[in-house]
C-alpha atoms as a PDB file:
ATOM      1  CA  GLN A   1      -3.669 -14.763 -13.840  1.00  0.00           C
ATOM      2  CA  VAL A   2      -3.633 -11.621 -11.984  1.00  0.00           C
ATOM      3  CA  GLN A   3      -0.844 -11.087  -9.476  1.00  0.00           C
ATOM      4  CA  LEU A   4       0.055  -8.462  -7.263  1.00  0.00           C
ATOM      5  CA  VAL A   5       3.526  -8.744  -5.405  1.00  0.00           C
ATOM      6  CA  GLU A   6       4.239  -6.414  -2.530  1.00  0.00           C
ATOM      7  CA  SER A   7       7.854  -5.871  -1.374  1.00  0.00           C
ATOM      8  CA  GLY A   8       9.742  -3.250   0.568  1.00  0.00           C
ATOM      9  CA  GLY A   9       8.597  -4.284   4.300  1.00  0.00           C
ATOM     10  CA  GLY A  10      10.671  -4.717   7.243  1.00  0.00           C
ATOM     11  CA  LEU A  11      11.942  -3.660  10.617  1.00  0.00           C
ATOM     12  CA  VAL A  12      12.280   0.152  11.337  1.00  0.00           C
ATOM     13  CA  GLN A  13      12.740   2.231  14.133  1.00  0.00           C
ATOM     14  CA  PRO A  14      10.261   4.899  15.073  1.00  0.00           C
ATOM     15  CA  GLY A  15      10.660   7.908  12.983  1.00  0.00           C
ATOM     16  CA  GLY A  16      12.262   6.105  10.165  1.00  0.00           C
ATOM     17  CA  SER A  17      11.053   5.772   6.686  1.00  0.00           C
ATOM     18  CA  LEU A  18      10.164   2.542   4.272  1.00  0.00           C
ATOM     19  CA  ARG A  19       8.940   2.497   0.636  1.00  0.00           C
ATOM     20  CA  LEU A  20       6.611  -0.363  -0.204  1.00  0.00           C
ATOM     21  CA  SER A  21       6.182  -1.345  -3.948  1.00  0.00           C
ATOM     22  CA  CYS A  22       3.541  -3.424  -5.389  1.00  0.00           C
ATOM     23  CA  ALA A  23       4.006  -4.892  -8.865  1.00  0.00           C
ATOM     24  CA  ALA A  24       0.749  -5.921 -10.801  1.00  0.00           C
ATOM     25  CA  SER A  25       0.659  -8.478 -13.642  1.00  0.00           C
ATOM     26  CA  GLY A  26      -2.384  -9.858 -15.534  1.00  0.00           C
ATOM     27  CA  VAL A  27      -4.167  -6.617 -15.622  1.00  0.00           C
ATOM     28  CA  ILE A  28      -4.451  -3.547 -17.373  1.00  0.00           C
ATOM     29  CA  PHE A  29      -2.810  -1.833 -14.804  1.00  0.00           C
ATOM     30  CA  ARG A  30      -3.503   1.946 -15.783  1.00  0.00           C
ATOM     31  CA  LEU A  31      -7.390   1.445 -15.672  1.00  0.00           C
ATOM     32  CA  TYR A  32      -7.305   0.305 -11.948  1.00  0.00           C
ATOM     33  CA  ALA A  33      -7.852   2.052  -8.865  1.00  0.00           C
ATOM     34  CA  MET A  34      -5.071   0.906  -6.543  1.00  0.00           C
ATOM     35  CA  ALA A  35      -4.758   1.058  -2.676  1.00  0.00           C
ATOM     36  CA  TRP A  36      -2.914  -0.089   0.433  1.00  0.00           C
ATOM     37  CA  TYR A  37      -4.628  -1.459   3.241  1.00  0.00           C
ATOM     38  CA  ARG A  38      -3.014  -2.672   6.464  1.00  0.00           C
ATOM     39  CA  GLN A  39      -4.007  -4.956   9.187  1.00  0.00           C
ATOM     40  CA  ALA A  40      -2.695  -5.257  12.809  1.00  0.00           C
ATOM     41  CA  PRO A  41      -2.940  -8.129  14.756  1.00  0.00           C
ATOM     42  CA  GLY A  42      -6.522  -8.761  16.389  1.00  0.00           C
ATOM     43  CA  LYS A  43      -7.765  -5.674  14.310  1.00  0.00           C
ATOM     44  CA  GLN A  44      -9.751  -5.249  11.100  1.00  0.00           C
ATOM     45  CA  ARG A  45      -8.037  -4.443   7.566  1.00  0.00           C
ATOM     46  CA  VAL A  46      -8.181  -0.792   7.135  1.00  0.00           C
ATOM     47  CA  LEU A  47      -7.584   1.613   4.164  1.00  0.00           C
ATOM     48  CA  VAL A  48      -4.341   3.404   4.191  1.00  0.00           C
ATOM     49  CA  ALA A  49      -4.047   5.115   1.027  1.00  0.00           C
ATOM     50  CA  HIS A  50      -5.926   5.117  -2.462  1.00  0.00           C
ATOM     51  CA  ILE A  51      -4.998   6.250  -6.110  1.00  0.00           C
ATOM     52  CA  THR A  52      -7.532   6.440  -8.907  1.00  0.00           C
ATOM     53  CA  SER A  53      -6.439   5.621 -12.427  1.00  0.00           C
ATOM     54  CA  GLY A  54      -6.360   9.336 -12.928  1.00  0.00           C
ATOM     55  CA  GLY A  55      -3.993   9.887 -10.135  1.00  0.00           C
ATOM     56  CA  SER A  56      -6.035  11.489  -7.388  1.00  0.00           C
ATOM     57  CA  THR A  57      -5.319  10.317  -3.987  1.00  0.00           C
ATOM     58  CA  ASN A  58      -6.820   9.958  -0.572  1.00  0.00           C
ATOM     59  CA  TYR A  59      -5.532   8.667   2.866  1.00  0.00           C
ATOM     60  CA  GLY A  60      -6.529   7.359   5.983  1.00  0.00           C
ATOM     61  CA  ASP A  61      -6.555  10.235   8.766  1.00  0.00           C
ATOM     62  CA  SER A  62      -3.781   8.579  10.842  1.00  0.00           C
ATOM     63  CA  VAL A  63      -1.319   8.673   7.860  1.00  0.00           C
ATOM     64  CA  LYS A  64      -2.042  12.086   6.386  1.00  0.00           C
ATOM     65  CA  GLY A  65       1.027  14.119   6.130  1.00  0.00           C
ATOM     66  CA  ARG A  66       3.286  11.078   6.636  1.00  0.00           C
ATOM     67  CA  PHE A  67       2.533   8.627   3.716  1.00  0.00           C
ATOM     68  CA  THR A  68       2.407   9.410   0.125  1.00  0.00           C
ATOM     69  CA  ILE A  69       0.922   6.870  -2.546  1.00  0.00           C
ATOM     70  CA  SER A  70       1.943   7.013  -6.247  1.00  0.00           C
ATOM     71  CA  ARG A  71       1.893   5.005  -9.270  1.00  0.00           C
ATOM     72  CA  ASP A  72       3.933   4.242 -12.323  1.00  0.00           C
ATOM     73  CA  ASN A  73       1.756   3.098 -15.039  1.00  0.00           C
ATOM     74  CA  ALA A  74       4.997   2.327 -17.324  1.00  0.00           C
ATOM     75  CA  LYS A  75       6.043  -0.134 -14.803  1.00  0.00           C
ATOM     76  CA  ASN A  76       2.760  -1.456 -13.425  1.00  0.00           C
ATOM     77  CA  THR A  77       3.732  -0.701  -9.940  1.00  0.00           C
ATOM     78  CA  VAL A  78       2.285   1.418  -7.068  1.00  0.00           C
ATOM     79  CA  TYR A  79       4.248   2.587  -4.243  1.00  0.00           C
ATOM     80  CA  LEU A  80       3.703   3.730  -0.582  1.00  0.00           C
ATOM     81  CA  GLN A  81       6.298   6.023   0.768  1.00  0.00           C
ATOM     82  CA  MET A  82       6.144   5.911   4.647  1.00  0.00           C
ATOM     83  CA  ASN A  83       7.821   8.591   6.685  1.00  0.00           C
ATOM     84  CA  SER A  84       7.903   9.350  10.170  1.00  0.00           C
ATOM     85  CA  LEU A  85       6.871   5.652  11.102  1.00  0.00           C
ATOM     86  CA  LYS A  86       5.298   5.095  14.446  1.00  0.00           C
ATOM     87  CA  PRO A  87       4.800   2.107  16.504  1.00  0.00           C
ATOM     88  CA  GLU A  88       1.120   2.020  15.736  1.00  0.00           C
ATOM     89  CA  ASP A  89       2.027   1.841  11.935  1.00  0.00           C
ATOM     90  CA  THR A  90       3.079  -1.813  12.643  1.00  0.00           C
ATOM     91  CA  ALA A  91       0.970  -4.004  10.414  1.00  0.00           C
ATOM     92  CA  VAL A  92       0.796  -6.212   7.421  1.00  0.00           C
ATOM     93  CA  TYR A  93       0.349  -4.180   4.558  1.00  0.00           C
ATOM     94  CA  TYR A  94      -1.673  -5.305   1.506  1.00  0.00           C
ATOM     95  CA  CYS A  95      -1.895  -4.153  -2.113  1.00  0.00           C
ATOM     96  CA  ASN A  96      -5.504  -3.728  -3.733  1.00  0.00           C
ATOM     97  CA  ALA A  97      -6.459  -3.402  -7.509  1.00  0.00           C
ATOM     98  CA  ARG A  98     -10.028  -2.678  -8.217  1.00  0.00           C
ATOM     99  CA  LEU A  99     -12.448  -2.036 -10.903  1.00  0.00           C
ATOM    100  CA  PRO A 100     -16.367  -1.952 -10.402  1.00  0.00           C
ATOM    101  CA  LEU A 101     -16.305  -5.676 -11.215  1.00  0.00           C
ATOM    102  CA  ALA A 102     -12.803  -6.911 -10.209  1.00  0.00           C
ATOM    103  CA  ASP A 103     -11.051  -6.723  -6.670  1.00  0.00           C
ATOM    104  CA  TYR A 104      -7.411  -8.287  -6.356  1.00  0.00           C
ATOM    105  CA  TRP A 105      -5.245  -8.476  -3.246  1.00  0.00           C
ATOM    106  CA  GLY A 106      -1.573  -8.996  -2.771  1.00  0.00           C
ATOM    107  CA  GLN A 107      -0.256 -11.555  -0.201  1.00  0.00           C
ATOM    108  CA  GLY A 108       0.766  -8.758   2.073  1.00  0.00           C
ATOM    109  CA  THR A 109       4.385  -7.516   3.410  1.00  0.00           C
ATOM    110  CA  GLN A 110       5.024  -7.037   7.267  1.00  0.00           C
ATOM    111  CA  VAL A 111       6.036  -3.713   8.404  1.00  0.00           C
ATOM    112  CA  THR A 112       7.216  -3.582  11.873  1.00  0.00           C
ATOM    113  CA  VAL A 113       8.007  -0.086  13.665  1.00  0.00           C
ATOM    114  CA  SER A 114      10.110  -0.757  16.810  1.00  0.00           C
ATOM    115  CA  SER A 115      13.240   0.378  18.679  1.00  0.00           C
END
């Protein structure tokens, strides 16, 4: 059974930092491209950051230079380091694991940026 379990969300002040983690089980983690998406209330789910099985990364325009995605294949975990957080970063953040014929999602973790 495939499971993606996110953690690390919470309430943070503008300008602060958080690190999200997503622990995967039931998959050969090193083969999967991993990504973080987010969904704000009333809005569509959008890509935040993506990392290939080989470690290449790309980011949504709104987070470039502030967020960093990384992976630890030994721990079956992908991370999202979020710095210089803004109120508009408030959303539920979802972890995604993908192969051409497989697509898995975590349950999401809430990030709220507010003073």
